[in-house]
Protein backbone atom coordinates (compact mmCIF):
# COMPACT_ATOMS: atom_id res chain seq x y z
CA VAL A 1 0.00 0.21 0.13
CA TYR A 2 1.85 4.34 -0.82
CA TYR A 3 1.62 7.65 0.62
CA LYS A 4 1.81 10.34 -1.28
CA LYS A 5 4.59 12.46 -1.39
CA SER A 6 7.26 14.00 -4.20
CA ILE A 7 10.42 11.73 -4.67
CA SER A 8 12.38 14.55 -3.07
CA GLN A 9 10.37 14.75 0.09
CA VAL A 10 10.80 11.13 0.47
CA SER A 11 14.09 9.22 -0.77
CA MET A 12 16.65 11.32 1.39
CA LYS A 13 14.45 10.23 4.49
CA LEU A 14 14.11 6.48 3.87
CA THR A 15 17.76 5.58 2.45
CA ILE A 16 17.13 2.23 3.89
CA VAL A 17 14.18 1.40 1.61
CA LEU A 18 15.15 -0.76 -1.70
CA VAL A 19 11.39 0.02 -2.59
CA VAL A 20 9.53 -3.05 -2.84
CA LEU A 21 6.06 -2.30 -1.59
CA LEU A 22 5.03 1.00 -0.61
CA VAL A 23 6.68 3.84 -0.98
CA LEU A 24 9.25 5.61 0.27
CA SER A 25 11.78 6.26 -2.48
CA VAL A 26 10.21 6.37 -5.88
CA SER A 27 10.02 8.37 -8.65
CA ALA A 28 6.77 10.13 -8.63
CA ARG A 29 4.43 11.56 -6.05
CA LYS A 30 3.86 8.77 -3.24
CA ARG A 31 0.06 7.85 -2.89
CA LYS A 32 -1.20 6.48 0.39
CA TYR A 33 -3.34 3.93 -1.76
CA SER A 34 -0.04 1.81 -2.36
CA CYS A 35 0.58 -1.31 -0.26
CA GLN A 36 4.11 -1.69 -1.41
CA TYR A 37 6.45 -3.66 1.27
CA MET A 38 10.01 -2.51 1.53
CA ILE A 39 13.45 -4.67 1.76
CA ASP A 40 16.17 -3.42 4.23
CA ASP A 41 18.99 -2.39 1.63
CA SER A 42 21.14 -0.98 4.65
CA GLU A 43 23.71 -3.80 4.51
CA PRO A 44 25.59 -3.67 1.07
CA ILE A 45 25.89 -6.62 -0.98
CA ASP A 46 28.94 -7.51 -2.92
CA PRO A 47 27.95 -6.91 -6.88
CA LEU A 48 30.26 -9.76 -7.63
CA MET A 49 28.23 -12.25 -5.36
CA ALA A 50 24.50 -10.76 -6.29
CA PRO A 51 22.53 -12.69 -8.73
CA LYS A 52 22.42 -10.88 -12.08
CA GLU A 53 19.33 -9.59 -13.58
CA GLN A 54 17.93 -11.91 -16.41
CA TRP A 55 15.47 -11.53 -19.00
CA PHE A 56 12.36 -13.63 -20.16
CA ARG A 57 10.76 -13.22 -23.57
CA GLN A 58 7.10 -12.83 -22.46
CA LYS A 59 3.83 -12.62 -24.15
CA LEU A 60 2.22 -9.12 -24.33
CA ASP A 61 -1.58 -10.60 -24.15
CA HIS A 62 -2.27 -14.10 -22.73
CA PHE A 63 -5.72 -13.96 -23.44
CA SER A 64 -5.87 -13.09 -27.15
CA PRO A 65 -5.20 -15.46 -29.75
CA ILE A 66 -4.16 -13.18 -32.57
CA GLU A 67 -2.09 -10.85 -30.58
CA THR A 68 1.87 -12.18 -31.25
CA ARG A 69 3.84 -9.20 -29.65
CA THR A 70 6.26 -10.18 -26.95
CA TRP A 71 8.38 -8.04 -24.49
CA LYS A 72 11.34 -8.62 -22.11
CA GLN A 73 10.63 -9.32 -18.64
CA ARG A 74 12.95 -9.21 -15.80
CA PHE A 75 13.68 -11.99 -13.31
CA PHE A 76 16.68 -12.83 -10.71
CA ILE A 77 17.54 -16.40 -9.96
CA ASN A 78 19.73 -17.72 -6.45
CA ASP A 79 20.78 -21.32 -7.29
CA THR A 80 23.08 -21.51 -4.53
CA TYR A 81 20.86 -23.76 -2.66
CA TYR A 82 19.11 -25.96 -5.68
CA ASP A 83 19.46 -29.55 -5.13
CA PRO A 84 17.85 -31.75 -7.90
CA SER A 85 18.33 -34.63 -5.97
CA LYS A 86 15.79 -33.19 -3.15
CA GLY A 87 13.23 -32.57 -5.97
CA GLY A 88 14.35 -29.34 -7.00
CA PRO A 89 11.32 -27.39 -6.00
CA ILE A 90 10.95 -23.65 -7.33
CA PHE A 91 10.55 -20.86 -4.70
CA LEU A 92 8.75 -18.10 -6.74
CA GLN A 93 8.76 -14.61 -5.22
CA ILE A 94 6.02 -12.71 -7.38
CA GLY A 95 6.76 -8.92 -8.03
CA GLY A 96 4.56 -6.31 -7.28
CA GLU A 97 4.02 -2.41 -7.75
CA GLY A 98 7.74 -1.75 -7.73
CA ALA A 99 10.99 -2.67 -8.96
CA ILE A 100 12.65 -5.94 -7.84
CA SER A 101 16.16 -6.71 -7.24
CA SER A 102 18.87 -9.46 -6.36
CA ARG A 103 17.62 -9.10 -2.61
CA TYR A 104 14.33 -10.83 -3.32
CA VAL A 105 15.94 -13.90 -3.90
CA THR A 106 18.93 -13.53 -1.17
CA SER A 107 17.65 -11.53 1.70
CA LEU A 108 14.16 -12.71 2.44
CA GLU A 109 12.93 -15.40 4.76
CA MET A 110 11.88 -17.24 1.93
CA VAL A 111 15.61 -18.27 1.44
CA GLU A 112 15.67 -19.79 4.63
CA TYR A 113 12.67 -21.98 3.99
CA GLY A 114 14.35 -22.64 0.51
CA LYS A 115 17.43 -23.79 2.20
CA LYS A 116 16.03 -26.86 3.68
CA HIS A 117 14.27 -28.24 0.50
CA GLY A 118 16.97 -27.42 -2.11
CA ALA A 119 14.89 -24.73 -3.75
CA LEU A 120 15.57 -22.75 -6.57
CA LEU A 121 14.85 -19.22 -5.50
CA VAL A 122 13.50 -16.82 -8.42
CA ALA A 123 11.57 -13.54 -8.10
CA LEU A 124 9.56 -12.44 -11.22
CA GLU A 125 9.15 -8.52 -11.82
CA HIS A 126 5.50 -7.34 -12.37
CA ARG A 127 4.79 -6.15 -16.21
CA PHE A 128 5.00 -2.64 -16.46
CA TYR A 129 7.03 -2.11 -13.21
CA GLY A 130 10.79 -1.48 -12.60
CA LYS A 131 12.79 -2.40 -15.83
CA SER A 132 9.82 -4.76 -17.47
CA HIS A 133 8.24 -2.51 -19.92
CA PRO A 134 5.96 -4.21 -22.26
CA LEU A 135 5.64 -1.32 -24.54
CA PRO A 136 7.40 1.95 -24.87
CA ASP A 137 5.32 4.34 -22.81
CA MET A 138 2.46 4.01 -20.18
CA SER A 139 -0.19 5.59 -22.24
CA THR A 140 -3.61 4.51 -21.20
CA ASP A 141 -4.12 2.68 -24.39
CA ASN A 142 -1.00 0.65 -23.32
CA LEU A 143 -2.09 0.28 -19.77
CA ILE A 144 -5.08 -1.96 -20.96
CA TYR A 145 -2.13 -4.62 -20.81
CA LEU A 146 -1.51 -3.92 -17.13
CA SER A 147 -3.81 -6.03 -14.94
CA SER A 148 -3.26 -8.97 -12.27
CA GLN A 149 -4.87 -11.33 -14.48
CA GLN A 150 -1.99 -10.85 -17.04
CA ALA A 151 0.56 -10.92 -14.23
CA LEU A 152 -0.54 -14.23 -13.17
CA ALA A 153 -0.32 -15.84 -16.64
CA ASP A 154 2.86 -14.18 -16.74
CA ALA A 155 3.80 -16.11 -13.95
CA SER A 156 2.57 -19.36 -15.17
CA TYR A 157 4.17 -19.21 -18.61
CA PHE A 158 7.37 -18.20 -17.20
CA ILE A 159 7.40 -21.13 -14.87
CA TYR A 160 6.65 -23.76 -17.80
CA HIS A 161 9.83 -22.14 -19.57
CA LEU A 162 11.94 -22.08 -16.41
CA LYS A 163 11.58 -25.90 -15.84
CA GLN A 164 12.40 -26.46 -19.31
CA GLN A 165 15.48 -24.33 -18.79
CA TYR A 166 16.31 -26.51 -15.85
CA LYS A 167 15.46 -29.80 -17.26
CA MET A 168 12.72 -30.19 -14.57
CA ASP A 169 9.95 -32.33 -14.88
CA GLN A 170 6.62 -30.20 -15.34
CA ASP A 171 5.11 -31.80 -12.14
CA ASN A 172 8.44 -30.39 -10.12
CA LYS A 173 6.64 -28.58 -7.40
CA VAL A 174 6.37 -24.73 -6.93
CA VAL A 175 5.64 -22.66 -3.79
CA SER A 176 4.67 -18.88 -4.36
CA PHE A 177 5.18 -16.34 -2.09
CA GLY A 178 4.28 -12.80 -1.85
CA CYS A 179 3.53 -9.68 0.13
CA SER A 180 0.92 -6.92 0.04
CA TYR A 181 -0.25 -6.75 -3.59
CA PRO A 182 2.13 -9.64 -4.40
CA GLY A 183 0.61 -11.45 -1.38
CA ALA A 184 -2.92 -11.28 -2.80
CA LEU A 185 -1.31 -12.27 -6.40
CA ALA A 186 0.36 -15.20 -4.79
CA ALA A 187 -3.05 -16.27 -3.27
CA TRP A 188 -4.67 -15.70 -6.49
CA PHE A 189 -2.14 -17.73 -8.44
CA ARG A 190 -2.90 -20.69 -6.14
CA LEU A 191 -6.71 -20.18 -6.66
CA LYS A 192 -6.23 -19.53 -10.74
CA TYR A 193 -3.52 -22.05 -11.54
CA PRO A 194 -3.43 -24.71 -8.97
CA GLN A 195 -1.57 -26.99 -11.64
CA VAL A 196 1.14 -24.53 -11.55
CA THR A 197 1.97 -24.29 -7.51
CA VAL A 198 1.43 -26.74 -4.95
CA GLY A 199 0.90 -23.47 -2.21
CA SER A 200 1.34 -19.95 -1.52
CA VAL A 201 2.31 -17.84 1.47
CA ALA A 202 0.17 -14.81 1.09
CA SER A 203 1.56 -12.15 3.61
CA SER A 204 -0.29 -8.99 4.15
CA ALA A 205 -2.26 -9.73 1.37
CA PRO A 206 -5.43 -7.38 0.51
CA VAL A 207 -7.60 -9.97 -1.46
CA GLU A 208 -10.74 -7.86 -0.88
CA ALA A 209 -10.84 -5.26 -3.43
CA VAL A 210 -12.58 -2.09 -2.32
CA LEU A 211 -13.16 1.21 -3.73
CA ASP A 212 -13.70 3.40 -0.39
CA PHE A 213 -11.09 2.00 1.91
CA PHE A 214 -11.91 3.90 4.97
CA GLY A 215 -11.15 1.33 7.19
CA TYR A 216 -7.48 1.99 6.59
CA LEU A 217 -7.72 5.01 8.88
CA GLU A 218 -9.52 3.18 11.49
CA VAL A 219 -6.74 0.71 11.89
CA VAL A 220 -4.43 3.57 11.94
CA ASP A 221 -6.80 5.20 14.90
CA LYS A 222 -6.46 1.72 16.72
CA SER A 223 -2.62 1.61 16.29
CA LEU A 224 -2.02 4.89 17.67
CA THR A 225 -4.07 3.82 20.76
CA TYR A 226 -2.28 0.29 21.01
CA PHE A 227 1.05 1.62 21.28
CA VAL A 228 0.40 4.87 23.20
CA GLY A 229 -3.13 5.32 24.31
CA GLU A 230 -5.76 7.58 23.30
CA GLU A 231 -3.76 11.09 24.00
CA CYS A 232 -2.00 10.85 21.01
CA ASP A 233 -5.29 10.29 18.68
CA ASN A 234 -6.70 13.21 20.69
CA VAL A 235 -4.07 15.39 20.19
CA ILE A 236 -4.13 14.64 16.29
CA ARG A 237 -7.82 14.99 16.14
CA ASN A 238 -7.65 18.58 17.63
CA ALA A 239 -5.06 19.63 15.39
CA THR A 240 -6.73 18.18 12.46
CA ASP A 241 -9.95 20.32 13.78
CA LEU A 242 -7.75 23.69 13.63
CA ILE A 243 -6.41 22.85 10.00
CA SER A 244 -9.78 21.89 8.87
CA LYS A 245 -11.36 25.22 10.15
CA SER A 246 -8.19 27.27 8.73
CA LEU A 247 -8.56 25.72 5.19
CA ALA A 248 -12.07 27.23 5.13
CA THR A 249 -10.93 30.88 4.54
CA SER A 250 -8.18 32.47 2.59
CA SER A 251 -6.31 33.87 5.58
CA GLY A 252 -6.13 30.49 6.90
CA ARG A 253 -5.15 28.98 3.92
CA LYS A 254 -2.06 31.36 3.98
CA PHE A 255 -1.55 30.49 7.75
CA ILE A 256 -1.31 26.77 6.87
CA GLN A 257 0.80 27.62 4.16
CA GLU A 258 3.61 29.11 6.31
CA LYS A 259 2.86 26.65 9.37
CA PHE A 260 3.45 23.51 7.26
CA SER A 261 6.18 24.98 4.84
CA LEU A 262 4.16 24.38 1.77
CA CYS A 263 5.87 24.83 -1.67
CA GLY A 264 3.13 27.17 -2.90
CA PRO A 265 -0.24 28.48 -2.06
CA ILE A 266 -3.76 26.44 -1.59
CA GLN A 267 -5.30 27.76 -4.77
CA HIS A 268 -8.10 25.32 -5.58
CA ASP A 269 -10.68 23.27 -3.99
CA LEU A 270 -9.00 20.21 -4.89
CA ASP A 271 -5.84 21.19 -3.31
CA VAL A 272 -6.97 20.76 -0.08
CA PRO A 273 -7.80 16.94 0.02
CA ASN A 274 -4.82 16.88 -1.93
CA LEU A 275 -2.69 18.62 1.12
CA MET A 276 -4.58 16.55 3.73
CA SER A 277 -3.89 13.18 2.21
CA ILE A 278 0.12 14.13 2.42
CA ILE A 279 0.28 15.39 5.90
CA MET A 280 -2.17 12.61 7.40
CA GLY A 281 0.01 10.01 5.20
CA ASP A 282 2.89 10.69 7.34
CA PHE A 283 1.06 8.85 10.15
CA GLN A 284 -0.18 6.21 7.76
CA GLY A 285 3.23 5.55 6.84
CA VAL A 286 4.58 5.06 10.20
CA VAL A 287 1.87 2.98 11.31
CA GLN A 288 2.03 1.05 7.99
CA TYR A 289 5.81 0.42 8.68
CA ASN A 290 6.15 0.62 12.40
CA ASN A 291 9.79 -0.44 13.72
CA GLU A 292 10.85 -1.20 10.19
CA MET A 293 12.51 2.41 9.21
CA GLY A 294 14.40 3.25 11.90
CA PRO A 295 14.26 4.60 15.71
CA ASP A 296 13.16 8.24 14.88
CA LEU A 297 9.91 6.59 12.38
CA THR A 298 7.79 4.90 14.65
CA ILE A 299 4.45 5.16 16.06
CA LYS A 300 5.82 5.85 19.57
CA HIS A 301 8.12 8.64 18.25
CA PHE A 302 5.71 10.36 16.19
CA CYS A 303 3.04 10.24 19.70
CA ASP A 304 5.93 11.71 21.66
CA ILE A 305 6.47 14.47 19.44
CA MET A 306 2.41 15.14 19.58
CA ILE A 307 2.01 14.97 23.07
CA GLU A 308 5.18 15.83 24.96
CA GLY A 309 6.49 19.23 25.68
CA LYS A 310 4.76 22.56 25.46
CA ASP A 311 3.76 22.84 21.60
CA SER A 312 0.15 23.27 20.59
CA PRO A 313 -1.62 20.29 18.93
CA LEU A 314 -0.92 22.39 15.44
CA ASP A 315 2.84 23.11 16.16
CA ALA A 316 3.24 19.26 17.19
CA TYR A 317 1.67 18.14 13.76
CA ALA A 318 3.95 20.81 11.96
CA LYS A 319 7.04 19.12 13.75
CA VAL A 320 5.87 15.61 12.29
CA ASN A 321 5.52 17.27 9.11
CA ASP A 322 8.96 18.90 9.12
CA LEU A 323 10.50 15.43 10.37
CA MET A 324 9.04 13.59 7.03
CA ASN A 325 9.05 16.51 4.67
CA PRO A 326 12.72 18.55 5.33
CA SER A 327 11.85 20.60 2.24
CA CYS A 328 8.33 21.52 1.32
CA VAL A 329 5.05 19.76 0.78
CA ASP A 330 3.19 20.72 -2.69
CA PRO A 331 -0.43 21.00 -1.98
CA SER A 332 -1.32 21.71 -6.01
CA TYR A 333 -3.59 18.88 -7.13
CA ASP A 334 -2.81 19.97 -10.66
CA ASN A 335 1.04 19.45 -10.03
CA MET A 336 0.25 16.04 -8.70
CA ILE A 337 -1.74 14.95 -11.91
CA LYS A 338 0.81 16.35 -14.09
CA GLU A 339 3.26 13.96 -12.28
CA LEU A 340 0.80 11.03 -13.03
CA LYS A 341 0.27 11.91 -16.25
CA ASP A 342 4.08 11.39 -17.42
CA LEU A 343 4.05 8.14 -19.71
CA THR A 344 7.81 7.44 -18.87
CA ALA A 345 8.18 7.81 -15.51
CA TRP A 346 8.40 4.06 -14.80
CA GLY A 347 9.99 4.13 -11.51
CA LEU A 348 13.01 1.99 -12.25
CA THR A 349 14.29 1.70 -8.75
CA GLY A 350 10.75 2.18 -7.05
CA VAL A 351 7.19 2.27 -7.21
CA GLY A 352 5.51 3.12 -10.19
CA MET A 353 3.03 5.74 -9.26
CA ARG A 354 1.00 6.03 -12.94
CA GLN A 355 0.81 2.31 -13.21
CA TRP A 356 -0.26 1.73 -9.58
CA THR A 357 -2.56 4.68 -9.65
CA TYR A 358 -4.15 2.94 -13.06
CA GLN A 359 -4.56 -0.49 -11.25
CA SER A 360 -6.16 1.08 -8.34
CA CYS A 361 -8.39 3.04 -10.61
CA ALA A 362 -9.13 -0.10 -12.86
CA GLU A 363 -9.04 -3.09 -10.54
CA PHE A 364 -8.66 -2.27 -6.77
CA GLY A 365 -9.72 1.01 -5.64
CA TYR A 366 -7.93 0.72 -2.23
CA PHE A 367 -8.33 4.63 -1.69
CA GLN A 368 -7.65 5.54 1.83
CA THR A 369 -10.28 8.33 2.61
CA THR A 370 -11.49 9.78 5.41
CA ASP A 371 -15.06 8.67 5.16
CA SER A 372 -15.30 7.38 8.30
CA LYS A 373 -15.97 8.95 11.74
CA ASP A 374 -13.74 6.44 13.75
CA GLN A 375 -10.43 8.07 12.99
CA PRO A 376 -8.94 11.31 13.88
CA PHE A 377 -8.06 12.94 10.33
CA GLY A 378 -11.00 14.81 9.72
CA ASP A 379 -13.26 14.48 6.44
CA LEU A 380 -11.76 16.42 3.72
CA VAL A 381 -10.44 13.50 1.80
CA PRO A 382 -13.31 11.84 0.31
CA ILE A 383 -13.68 9.29 -2.35
CA SER A 384 -14.85 11.59 -5.01
CA PHE A 385 -11.43 12.79 -4.78
CA TYR A 386 -10.08 9.81 -5.94
CA GLU A 387 -12.51 9.24 -8.52
CA GLN A 388 -12.06 12.50 -10.00
CA MET A 389 -8.31 11.89 -9.93
CA CYS A 390 -8.84 8.62 -12.19
CA LYS A 391 -10.68 10.67 -14.47
CA ASP A 392 -8.09 13.55 -14.95
CA VAL A 393 -5.09 11.22 -15.14
CA PHE A 394 -6.20 8.47 -17.36
CA GLY A 395 -8.98 10.80 -19.48
CA PHE A 396 -11.72 8.28 -18.50
CA GLY A 397 -15.05 9.83 -19.60
CA GLU A 398 -18.25 10.17 -17.33
CA ASP A 399 -19.37 6.69 -17.69
CA PHE A 400 -16.06 5.73 -15.64
CA ASN A 401 -17.03 3.69 -12.83
CA ALA A 402 -14.35 2.51 -10.32
CA GLY A 403 -16.85 0.93 -8.27
CA GLN A 404 -18.00 -1.56 -10.73
CA ASN A 405 -14.34 -2.08 -11.61
CA VAL A 406 -13.74 -3.14 -7.95
CA LEU A 407 -16.70 -5.58 -7.95
CA ASP A 408 -15.86 -7.30 -11.13
CA THR A 409 -12.27 -7.80 -9.44
CA ASN A 410 -13.82 -9.20 -6.01
CA ILE A 411 -16.05 -11.59 -8.59
CA TYR A 412 -13.38 -12.65 -10.28
CA TYR A 413 -11.06 -13.91 -7.59
CA GLY A 414 -13.70 -14.08 -4.79
CA GLY A 415 -12.23 -11.35 -2.48
CA GLN A 416 -12.13 -12.36 1.44
CA ASN A 417 -14.49 -15.35 0.64
CA LEU A 418 -11.91 -16.91 -1.51
CA PRO A 419 -11.56 -20.09 0.26
CA ALA A 420 -15.09 -20.74 -0.70
CA HIS A 421 -14.23 -20.88 -4.01
CA SER A 422 -12.42 -24.12 -3.88
CA ALA A 423 -8.69 -22.92 -2.99
CA SER A 424 -6.61 -24.90 -0.85
CA ASN A 425 -2.85 -24.89 0.08
CA ILE A 426 -2.87 -20.80 0.89
CA LEU A 427 -1.12 -19.75 4.12
CA PHE A 428 -1.93 -16.01 5.07
CA ILE A 429 -0.02 -14.16 7.56
CA ASN A 430 -0.95 -10.70 8.61
CA GLY A 431 0.29 -8.13 11.55
CA ASN A 432 -2.56 -6.63 13.57
CA ILE A 433 -1.08 -3.11 13.48
CA ASP A 434 -1.00 -3.14 9.64
CA PRO A 435 -3.87 -1.35 8.00
CA TRP A 436 -3.96 -3.69 5.21
CA HIS A 437 -4.81 -6.90 7.38
CA VAL A 438 -8.38 -5.92 7.36
CA LEU A 439 -8.82 -6.83 3.44
CA SER A 440 -6.95 -10.16 4.22
CA VAL A 441 -8.36 -13.66 5.03
CA LEU A 442 -8.36 -13.81 8.91
CA GLU A 443 -11.01 -16.32 9.57
CA PRO A 444 -10.42 -19.54 6.72
CA LYS A 445 -13.94 -21.02 5.65
CA SER A 446 -12.08 -24.10 4.61
CA LYS A 447 -9.46 -26.50 6.59
CA GLU A 448 -7.40 -26.03 3.52
CA ILE A 449 -6.50 -22.73 3.96
CA GLY A 450 -4.21 -21.25 6.82
CA SER A 451 -4.24 -17.84 8.63
CA TYR A 452 -2.00 -16.38 11.49
CA LEU A 453 -2.45 -12.92 12.99
CA ILE A 454 0.66 -11.34 14.75
CA ASP A 455 0.03 -9.36 17.43
CA GLY A 456 2.14 -6.32 17.23
CA THR A 457 3.54 -6.16 13.83
CA ALA A 458 2.91 -4.12 10.83
CA HIS A 459 2.95 -4.53 7.09
CA CYS A 460 4.99 -7.59 5.60
CA ARG A 461 7.00 -7.95 8.66
CA ASN A 462 7.29 -11.71 8.52
CA ILE A 463 9.03 -11.79 5.19
CA SER A 464 12.35 -10.62 6.73
CA PRO A 465 14.31 -12.50 9.40
CA PRO A 466 13.19 -11.48 13.01
CA SER A 467 15.23 -9.27 15.07
CA SER A 468 15.86 -8.13 18.92
CA ILE A 469 12.73 -6.39 19.05
CA SER A 470 10.44 -8.80 17.28
CA PRO A 471 7.54 -9.97 19.28
CA PRO A 472 7.13 -13.54 19.70
CA GLY A 473 4.54 -13.94 17.40
CA LEU A 474 6.61 -13.16 14.32
CA VAL A 475 8.93 -16.13 15.29
CA THR A 476 5.69 -18.39 15.80
CA ALA A 477 4.37 -17.25 12.30
CA GLN A 478 7.69 -17.94 10.47
CA LYS A 479 7.78 -21.49 12.06
CA LEU A 480 4.29 -22.05 11.32
CA THR A 481 4.95 -21.00 7.71
CA GLN A 482 8.38 -23.31 7.29
CA LYS A 483 5.86 -26.61 8.78
CA THR A 484 3.33 -25.66 6.24
CA ILE A 485 5.83 -25.55 3.38
CA ASP A 486 7.23 -28.65 4.53
CA GLU A 487 3.60 -30.16 4.27
CA TRP A 488 2.81 -29.16 1.08
CA LEU A 489 6.25 -30.47 -0.29
CA GLN A 490 5.94 -33.95 1.07
């Protein structure tokens, strides 16, 4: 899932992020509705030892018998532990809304699982993200080839040819992994291609598409209270009330411009929700990635700023903004739209914002609004803001219906009722601090589906090795994952 900030506003703060799921080090303005997860890039890797990027000739359209165009899709392989004598399973890390790197096959917990089984460790980049460009640009006409359905077909076609390359039997087992949007893809891969993958580990997987994801901020509200108590939440609410009242007048808008070090004036009505989505995004980000971005970027630290000292609620909120945005915040809706209309801003080392915005409009929604009263961030970011954005960025007509697109996605995959659609061998792992967990499968309706909710962890924490401050539930979840994979591979 991304929160919206310009590259310059974020990249210098979050240098430890390689970018793999959300959002903190990208090439266009960050949007809070992405669910990207992050890989720790703080430890250098010897370029001579790192797996090299490779390329696969992929189909442009898997569902058209007359479309014959192809393109080059990037992937990485780590064969260090590959042992054909053990059956040589393939462990596939599915890429999502950002670029992949060699760390996908060297640094994640999947590597530890794979060592035991002599697995071939593979990561496949999602079409239209990173360096995997099916077409020369991202015009709206070209983006019709960007979809989760095409991505799943990519994975199936790739696996078939990879097995040929390694002289494997086609019945050699495959276990698929993913976290965040790729977690949903992993679950859907097992659902739609059970003949290809024997099981899937779906971490922080938002399998329920939802247009108006007001529940995101409701979890943020609960997470703030979970760690600090209601005082932090109340101070944020008070500050938000003051901001909302100020934005209602021209003099108040000028006051907010100075208080929050904006790059320019608040000139148009749509600048207001754009600005509010940015500054509340500071708290969204720190909740989604709590304890994953360094000691100064945690829920506790942000709340300490809000409730300690002699600052007023508004001044404290401005301090949080200064921490996350050391330069300035651009409130301009027009500038945001202009950035998202850049047809070649691929995001070669980060999240692809135009692409993910398209998928949000065309498939998933996931738009994080203030349409719930059970959160402290006011009511100035309605779903209509994002619906208008979809039309302005991609030129959709008045008959565009994002809600119908979301419904179609849930009809196709089953949403959170996915287990009722003959699914099996899927393990869902979530953290209760992560706002995205409410769109995952928490109570499976089938004994063939597993689920574990970790108390005290945030987005995708289980995909990385535990640390000294990890809660006990994280280790339990990872042991459960290993046990489940063992059973699938028997």
